[in-house]
Amino acid sequence: MSSKAKTSKEQRVRRHQRVRRKVSGTPERPRLCVFRSLKHIYVQLFDDSANKCLLTVSSLHADVRQRIGEAKGKSAIGALVGQIAAEKAMAAVIEAVAFDRGGYLYHGRVKALADGARKAGLKF
């Protein structure tokens, strides 16, 4: 056994690998994948059967930046990104997704993003 301590990034990558063994995207139910950095949050919809990214939204996109004035704090911005991602998914006739939290704890910005997407009508 190794007594070497793992970094938090290595721990997150291992959790993500564990989640990815179970969660997979299909054309009917794509995988909604979350990545968060210290400043921004990113969402992508993947069809894993075709190895294709269907949609991407982040806190850097222009349509998010226009509506960011009403959101204060990272969690509120995460909820806004989730809401806009759900609106774009609904426009692309996607109603249900498989949620991939990316190895992050379901807490804070990740939870706010998921709640924002659910509030806009996305099912998962």
N, C-alpha and C. Protein backbone atom coordinates (compact mmCIF):
# COMPACT_ATOMS: atom_id res chain seq x y z
N MET A 1 0.82 -1.17 0.00
CA MET A 1 0.00 0.00 0.00
C MET A 1 0.87 1.24 0.00
N SER A 2 0.47 2.22 -0.77
CA SER A 2 1.21 3.46 -0.84
C SER A 2 0.71 4.42 0.23
N SER A 3 1.64 5.03 0.94
CA SER A 3 1.24 6.00 1.95
C SER A 3 1.24 7.42 1.39
N LYS A 4 1.50 7.54 0.10
CA LYS A 4 1.54 8.84 -0.55
C LYS A 4 0.13 9.42 -0.63
N ALA A 5 -0.02 10.62 -0.15
CA ALA A 5 -1.34 11.26 -0.17
C ALA A 5 -1.69 11.69 -1.59
N LYS A 6 -2.94 11.51 -1.96
CA LYS A 6 -3.42 11.90 -3.28
C LYS A 6 -3.81 13.38 -3.24
N THR A 7 -3.60 14.04 -4.35
CA THR A 7 -4.05 15.43 -4.44
C THR A 7 -5.56 15.44 -4.65
N SER A 8 -6.16 16.59 -4.43
CA SER A 8 -7.61 16.67 -4.60
C SER A 8 -8.01 16.45 -6.05
N LYS A 9 -7.16 16.88 -7.00
CA LYS A 9 -7.47 16.66 -8.41
C LYS A 9 -7.44 15.17 -8.75
N GLU A 10 -6.45 14.44 -8.23
CA GLU A 10 -6.38 13.00 -8.46
C GLU A 10 -7.59 12.29 -7.86
N GLN A 11 -8.02 12.72 -6.70
CA GLN A 11 -9.19 12.12 -6.07
C GLN A 11 -10.44 12.38 -6.91
N ARG A 12 -10.58 13.61 -7.45
CA ARG A 12 -11.73 13.94 -8.28
C ARG A 12 -11.74 13.11 -9.56
N VAL A 13 -10.58 12.93 -10.18
CA VAL A 13 -10.48 12.13 -11.41
C VAL A 13 -10.89 10.69 -11.13
N ARG A 14 -10.48 10.14 -9.99
CA ARG A 14 -10.87 8.76 -9.66
C ARG A 14 -12.37 8.65 -9.41
N ARG A 15 -12.95 9.64 -8.74
CA ARG A 15 -14.41 9.64 -8.54
C ARG A 15 -15.12 9.73 -9.87
N HIS A 16 -14.59 10.56 -10.79
CA HIS A 16 -15.21 10.72 -12.10
C HIS A 16 -15.14 9.40 -12.88
N GLN A 17 -14.04 8.70 -12.82
CA GLN A 17 -13.93 7.41 -13.50
C GLN A 17 -14.93 6.42 -12.94
N ARG A 18 -15.13 6.45 -11.63
CA ARG A 18 -16.11 5.56 -11.01
C ARG A 18 -17.52 5.87 -11.49
N VAL A 19 -17.85 7.15 -11.60
CA VAL A 19 -19.17 7.55 -12.06
C VAL A 19 -19.36 7.19 -13.53
N ARG A 20 -18.31 7.40 -14.35
CA ARG A 20 -18.40 7.16 -15.79
C ARG A 20 -18.58 5.69 -16.14
N ARG A 21 -18.22 4.78 -15.23
CA ARG A 21 -18.48 3.37 -15.48
C ARG A 21 -19.98 3.09 -15.54
N LYS A 22 -20.76 3.88 -14.83
CA LYS A 22 -22.20 3.65 -14.74
C LYS A 22 -23.01 4.58 -15.62
N VAL A 23 -22.55 5.81 -15.84
CA VAL A 23 -23.32 6.82 -16.55
C VAL A 23 -22.84 6.90 -17.99
N SER A 24 -23.77 6.77 -18.93
CA SER A 24 -23.45 6.85 -20.34
C SER A 24 -24.56 7.58 -21.07
N GLY A 25 -24.18 8.32 -22.11
CA GLY A 25 -25.16 9.08 -22.87
C GLY A 25 -25.62 8.35 -24.11
N THR A 26 -26.88 8.48 -24.43
CA THR A 26 -27.47 7.90 -25.64
C THR A 26 -28.10 9.03 -26.45
N PRO A 27 -28.51 8.76 -27.69
CA PRO A 27 -29.17 9.83 -28.46
C PRO A 27 -30.47 10.31 -27.80
N GLU A 28 -31.21 9.41 -27.15
CA GLU A 28 -32.46 9.80 -26.51
C GLU A 28 -32.23 10.48 -25.16
N ARG A 29 -31.17 10.06 -24.47
CA ARG A 29 -30.86 10.57 -23.13
C ARG A 29 -29.36 10.86 -23.04
N PRO A 30 -28.91 12.02 -23.56
CA PRO A 30 -27.48 12.33 -23.54
C PRO A 30 -26.95 12.57 -22.12
N ARG A 31 -25.65 12.53 -22.00
CA ARG A 31 -24.99 12.73 -20.71
C ARG A 31 -24.69 14.22 -20.53
N LEU A 32 -25.18 14.81 -19.46
CA LEU A 32 -24.90 16.20 -19.13
C LEU A 32 -23.69 16.21 -18.20
N CYS A 33 -22.55 16.66 -18.73
CA CYS A 33 -21.29 16.61 -18.01
C CYS A 33 -20.93 18.01 -17.51
N VAL A 34 -20.50 18.09 -16.26
CA VAL A 34 -20.17 19.35 -15.61
C VAL A 34 -18.67 19.42 -15.35
N PHE A 35 -18.08 20.58 -15.63
CA PHE A 35 -16.70 20.87 -15.23
C PHE A 35 -16.70 22.24 -14.60
N ARG A 36 -16.04 22.36 -13.48
CA ARG A 36 -15.95 23.67 -12.85
C ARG A 36 -14.50 24.01 -12.58
N SER A 37 -14.14 25.24 -12.88
CA SER A 37 -12.83 25.75 -12.53
C SER A 37 -13.02 26.71 -11.37
N LEU A 38 -11.96 27.39 -10.99
CA LEU A 38 -12.10 28.32 -9.87
C LEU A 38 -13.01 29.49 -10.21
N LYS A 39 -13.03 29.93 -11.47
CA LYS A 39 -13.82 31.09 -11.85
C LYS A 39 -15.08 30.76 -12.64
N HIS A 40 -15.06 29.70 -13.43
CA HIS A 40 -16.13 29.45 -14.38
C HIS A 40 -16.70 28.04 -14.22
N ILE A 41 -17.84 27.81 -14.87
CA ILE A 41 -18.48 26.50 -14.88
C ILE A 41 -18.90 26.18 -16.30
N TYR A 42 -18.73 24.94 -16.70
CA TYR A 42 -18.96 24.49 -18.07
C TYR A 42 -19.89 23.29 -18.07
N VAL A 43 -20.78 23.22 -19.07
CA VAL A 43 -21.71 22.10 -19.23
C VAL A 43 -21.65 21.64 -20.67
N GLN A 44 -21.60 20.32 -20.86
CA GLN A 44 -21.64 19.74 -22.20
C GLN A 44 -22.63 18.60 -22.22
N LEU A 45 -23.31 18.43 -23.34
CA LEU A 45 -24.20 17.29 -23.55
C LEU A 45 -23.53 16.36 -24.54
N PHE A 46 -23.34 15.11 -24.14
CA PHE A 46 -22.64 14.13 -24.96
C PHE A 46 -23.55 12.97 -25.34
N ASP A 47 -23.41 12.53 -26.59
CA ASP A 47 -23.97 11.26 -27.04
C ASP A 47 -22.79 10.30 -27.11
N ASP A 48 -22.63 9.46 -26.08
CA ASP A 48 -21.46 8.57 -26.00
C ASP A 48 -21.51 7.45 -27.03
N SER A 49 -22.68 7.07 -27.49
CA SER A 49 -22.76 6.00 -28.48
C SER A 49 -22.18 6.45 -29.83
N ALA A 50 -22.28 7.75 -30.14
CA ALA A 50 -21.74 8.30 -31.38
C ALA A 50 -20.47 9.11 -31.14
N ASN A 51 -20.00 9.17 -29.89
CA ASN A 51 -18.83 9.98 -29.53
C ASN A 51 -18.96 11.40 -30.05
N LYS A 52 -20.08 12.05 -29.69
CA LYS A 52 -20.38 13.36 -30.25
C LYS A 52 -20.85 14.30 -29.14
N CYS A 53 -20.36 15.53 -29.19
CA CYS A 53 -20.83 16.58 -28.27
C CYS A 53 -22.00 17.28 -28.95
N LEU A 54 -23.15 17.27 -28.29
CA LEU A 54 -24.36 17.84 -28.88
C LEU A 54 -24.53 19.32 -28.57
N LEU A 55 -24.05 19.74 -27.41
CA LEU A 55 -24.31 21.10 -26.97
C LEU A 55 -23.29 21.49 -25.91
N THR A 56 -22.91 22.74 -25.87
CA THR A 56 -22.01 23.22 -24.83
C THR A 56 -22.43 24.62 -24.38
N VAL A 57 -22.36 24.84 -23.08
CA VAL A 57 -22.69 26.13 -22.49
C VAL A 57 -21.71 26.36 -21.34
N SER A 58 -21.24 27.58 -21.19
CA SER A 58 -20.38 27.91 -20.06
C SER A 58 -20.67 29.31 -19.58
N SER A 59 -20.07 29.66 -18.47
CA SER A 59 -20.25 31.00 -17.94
C SER A 59 -19.50 32.03 -18.77
N LEU A 60 -18.79 31.61 -19.79
CA LEU A 60 -18.07 32.51 -20.68
C LEU A 60 -18.85 32.85 -21.95
N HIS A 61 -19.92 32.10 -22.25
CA HIS A 61 -20.71 32.33 -23.46
C HIS A 61 -21.40 33.70 -23.42
N ALA A 62 -21.63 34.26 -24.60
CA ALA A 62 -22.20 35.60 -24.71
C ALA A 62 -23.61 35.68 -24.13
N ASP A 63 -24.45 34.66 -24.40
CA ASP A 63 -25.83 34.72 -23.90
C ASP A 63 -25.88 34.60 -22.37
N VAL A 64 -24.91 33.92 -21.78
CA VAL A 64 -24.84 33.85 -20.33
C VAL A 64 -24.34 35.18 -19.78
N ARG A 65 -23.34 35.76 -20.44
CA ARG A 65 -22.78 37.04 -20.01
C ARG A 65 -23.82 38.16 -20.02
N GLN A 66 -24.76 38.10 -20.97
CA GLN A 66 -25.80 39.13 -21.04
C GLN A 66 -26.72 39.08 -19.83
N ARG A 67 -27.00 37.86 -19.34
CA ARG A 67 -27.94 37.69 -18.23
C ARG A 67 -27.24 37.55 -16.88
N ILE A 68 -25.91 37.70 -16.86
CA ILE A 68 -25.16 37.46 -15.64
C ILE A 68 -25.33 38.60 -14.62
N GLY A 69 -25.78 39.75 -15.08
CA GLY A 69 -25.97 40.88 -14.17
C GLY A 69 -26.97 40.61 -13.07
N GLU A 70 -27.95 39.76 -13.35
CA GLU A 70 -28.97 39.44 -12.36
C GLU A 70 -28.50 38.39 -11.36
N ALA A 71 -27.38 37.72 -11.64
CA ALA A 71 -26.88 36.65 -10.77
C ALA A 71 -25.67 37.16 -9.97
N LYS A 72 -25.70 36.98 -8.67
CA LYS A 72 -24.60 37.36 -7.80
C LYS A 72 -24.02 36.11 -7.16
N GLY A 73 -22.75 35.89 -7.33
CA GLY A 73 -22.08 34.74 -6.74
C GLY A 73 -21.98 33.58 -7.71
N LYS A 74 -21.06 32.66 -7.41
CA LYS A 74 -20.78 31.54 -8.30
C LYS A 74 -21.95 30.56 -8.38
N SER A 75 -22.64 30.33 -7.28
CA SER A 75 -23.77 29.39 -7.31
C SER A 75 -24.90 29.93 -8.16
N ALA A 76 -25.15 31.22 -8.08
CA ALA A 76 -26.21 31.82 -8.89
C ALA A 76 -25.84 31.77 -10.37
N ILE A 77 -24.57 31.96 -10.68
CA ILE A 77 -24.12 31.87 -12.07
C ILE A 77 -24.24 30.42 -12.54
N GLY A 78 -23.93 29.45 -11.67
CA GLY A 78 -24.09 28.04 -12.02
C GLY A 78 -25.53 27.70 -12.33
N ALA A 79 -26.46 28.25 -11.53
CA ALA A 79 -27.89 28.01 -11.78
C ALA A 79 -28.31 28.62 -13.11
N LEU A 80 -27.77 29.78 -13.45
CA LEU A 80 -28.07 30.44 -14.71
C LEU A 80 -27.54 29.62 -15.89
N VAL A 81 -26.33 29.08 -15.75
CA VAL A 81 -25.75 28.23 -16.80
C VAL A 81 -26.61 26.98 -16.99
N GLY A 82 -27.06 26.36 -15.90
CA GLY A 82 -27.93 25.20 -15.99
C GLY A 82 -29.25 25.51 -16.67
N GLN A 83 -29.80 26.68 -16.35
CA GLN A 83 -31.07 27.08 -16.95
C GLN A 83 -30.91 27.31 -18.46
N ILE A 84 -29.84 27.98 -18.86
CA ILE A 84 -29.61 28.24 -20.29
C ILE A 84 -29.30 26.94 -21.03
N ALA A 85 -28.56 26.03 -20.39
CA ALA A 85 -28.28 24.73 -21.01
C ALA A 85 -29.57 23.95 -21.22
N ALA A 86 -30.48 24.01 -20.25
CA ALA A 86 -31.76 23.32 -20.39
C ALA A 86 -32.60 23.93 -21.50
N GLU A 87 -32.59 25.26 -21.60
CA GLU A 87 -33.35 25.92 -22.66
C GLU A 87 -32.82 25.51 -24.04
N LYS A 88 -31.49 25.46 -24.19
CA LYS A 88 -30.90 25.06 -25.47
C LYS A 88 -31.18 23.58 -25.76
N ALA A 89 -31.16 22.75 -24.72
CA ALA A 89 -31.46 21.33 -24.91
C ALA A 89 -32.91 21.13 -25.33
N MET A 90 -33.82 21.88 -24.72
CA MET A 90 -35.23 21.79 -25.10
C MET A 90 -35.44 22.24 -26.54
N ALA A 91 -34.68 23.25 -26.96
CA ALA A 91 -34.77 23.72 -28.35
C ALA A 91 -34.25 22.65 -29.31
N ALA A 92 -33.32 21.82 -28.84
CA ALA A 92 -32.78 20.73 -29.65
C ALA A 92 -33.56 19.44 -29.46
N VAL A 93 -34.75 19.51 -28.88
CA VAL A 93 -35.67 18.40 -28.63
C VAL A 93 -35.02 17.33 -27.74
N ILE A 94 -34.35 17.77 -26.70
CA ILE A 94 -33.79 16.88 -25.69
C ILE A 94 -34.51 17.21 -24.38
N GLU A 95 -35.24 16.22 -23.84
CA GLU A 95 -36.02 16.47 -22.64
C GLU A 95 -35.45 15.80 -21.40
N ALA A 96 -34.67 14.72 -21.59
CA ALA A 96 -34.12 14.00 -20.45
C ALA A 96 -32.63 13.78 -20.66
N VAL A 97 -31.86 13.84 -19.57
CA VAL A 97 -30.42 13.65 -19.63
C VAL A 97 -29.97 12.76 -18.48
N ALA A 98 -28.77 12.22 -18.61
CA ALA A 98 -28.12 11.51 -17.53
C ALA A 98 -27.09 12.48 -16.93
N PHE A 99 -27.19 12.77 -15.65
CA PHE A 99 -26.35 13.79 -15.02
C PHE A 99 -25.01 13.20 -14.61
N ASP A 100 -23.92 13.79 -15.11
CA ASP A 100 -22.55 13.39 -14.78
C ASP A 100 -21.92 14.57 -14.05
N ARG A 101 -21.76 14.43 -12.75
CA ARG A 101 -21.27 15.54 -11.95
C ARG A 101 -19.76 15.72 -12.06
N GLY A 102 -19.09 14.92 -12.83
CA GLY A 102 -17.68 15.10 -13.11
C GLY A 102 -16.76 14.80 -11.95
N GLY A 103 -17.20 14.01 -11.00
CA GLY A 103 -16.36 13.70 -9.85
C GLY A 103 -16.47 14.72 -8.74
N TYR A 104 -17.21 15.79 -8.97
CA TYR A 104 -17.41 16.81 -7.93
C TYR A 104 -18.52 16.36 -6.99
N LEU A 105 -18.49 16.85 -5.76
CA LEU A 105 -19.55 16.55 -4.84
C LEU A 105 -20.82 17.26 -5.30
N TYR A 106 -21.96 16.64 -5.08
CA TYR A 106 -23.25 17.23 -5.46
C TYR A 106 -23.58 18.27 -4.40
N HIS A 107 -22.95 19.43 -4.54
CA HIS A 107 -23.03 20.46 -3.51
C HIS A 107 -22.62 21.78 -4.14
N GLY A 108 -23.15 22.87 -3.66
CA GLY A 108 -22.73 24.18 -4.12
C GLY A 108 -23.09 24.47 -5.56
N ARG A 109 -22.08 24.80 -6.38
CA ARG A 109 -22.31 25.20 -7.77
C ARG A 109 -22.88 24.07 -8.61
N VAL A 110 -22.42 22.84 -8.36
CA VAL A 110 -22.90 21.69 -9.14
C VAL A 110 -24.38 21.45 -8.85
N LYS A 111 -24.76 21.53 -7.60
CA LYS A 111 -26.17 21.36 -7.22
C LYS A 111 -27.02 22.50 -7.77
N ALA A 112 -26.50 23.73 -7.71
CA ALA A 112 -27.24 24.88 -8.24
C ALA A 112 -27.45 24.74 -9.74
N LEU A 113 -26.44 24.24 -10.46
CA LEU A 113 -26.57 24.02 -11.90
C LEU A 113 -27.65 22.99 -12.19
N ALA A 114 -27.64 21.89 -11.44
CA ALA A 114 -28.64 20.84 -11.64
C ALA A 114 -30.04 21.36 -11.32
N ASP A 115 -30.18 22.13 -10.26
CA ASP A 115 -31.48 22.68 -9.90
C ASP A 115 -31.97 23.67 -10.95
N GLY A 116 -31.05 24.48 -11.50
CA GLY A 116 -31.42 25.43 -12.55
C GLY A 116 -31.89 24.72 -13.81
N ALA A 117 -31.22 23.62 -14.14
CA ALA A 117 -31.63 22.84 -15.34
C ALA A 117 -32.98 22.18 -15.10
N ARG A 118 -33.21 21.65 -13.92
CA ARG A 118 -34.51 21.04 -13.60
C ARG A 118 -35.62 22.07 -13.62
N LYS A 119 -35.32 23.24 -13.10
CA LYS A 119 -36.32 24.32 -13.06
C LYS A 119 -36.75 24.74 -14.45
N ALA A 120 -35.82 24.67 -15.42
CA ALA A 120 -36.12 25.05 -16.81
C ALA A 120 -36.79 23.91 -17.57
N GLY A 121 -37.00 22.75 -16.93
CA GLY A 121 -37.76 21.68 -17.56
C GLY A 121 -37.00 20.44 -17.98
N LEU A 122 -35.70 20.39 -17.72
CA LEU A 122 -34.91 19.21 -18.08
C LEU A 122 -35.13 18.12 -17.04
N LYS A 123 -35.26 16.88 -17.48
CA LYS A 123 -35.51 15.76 -16.56
C LYS A 123 -34.26 14.92 -16.42
N PHE A 124 -33.88 14.63 -15.16
CA PHE A 124 -32.80 13.67 -14.87
C PHE A 124 -32.89 13.22 -13.44
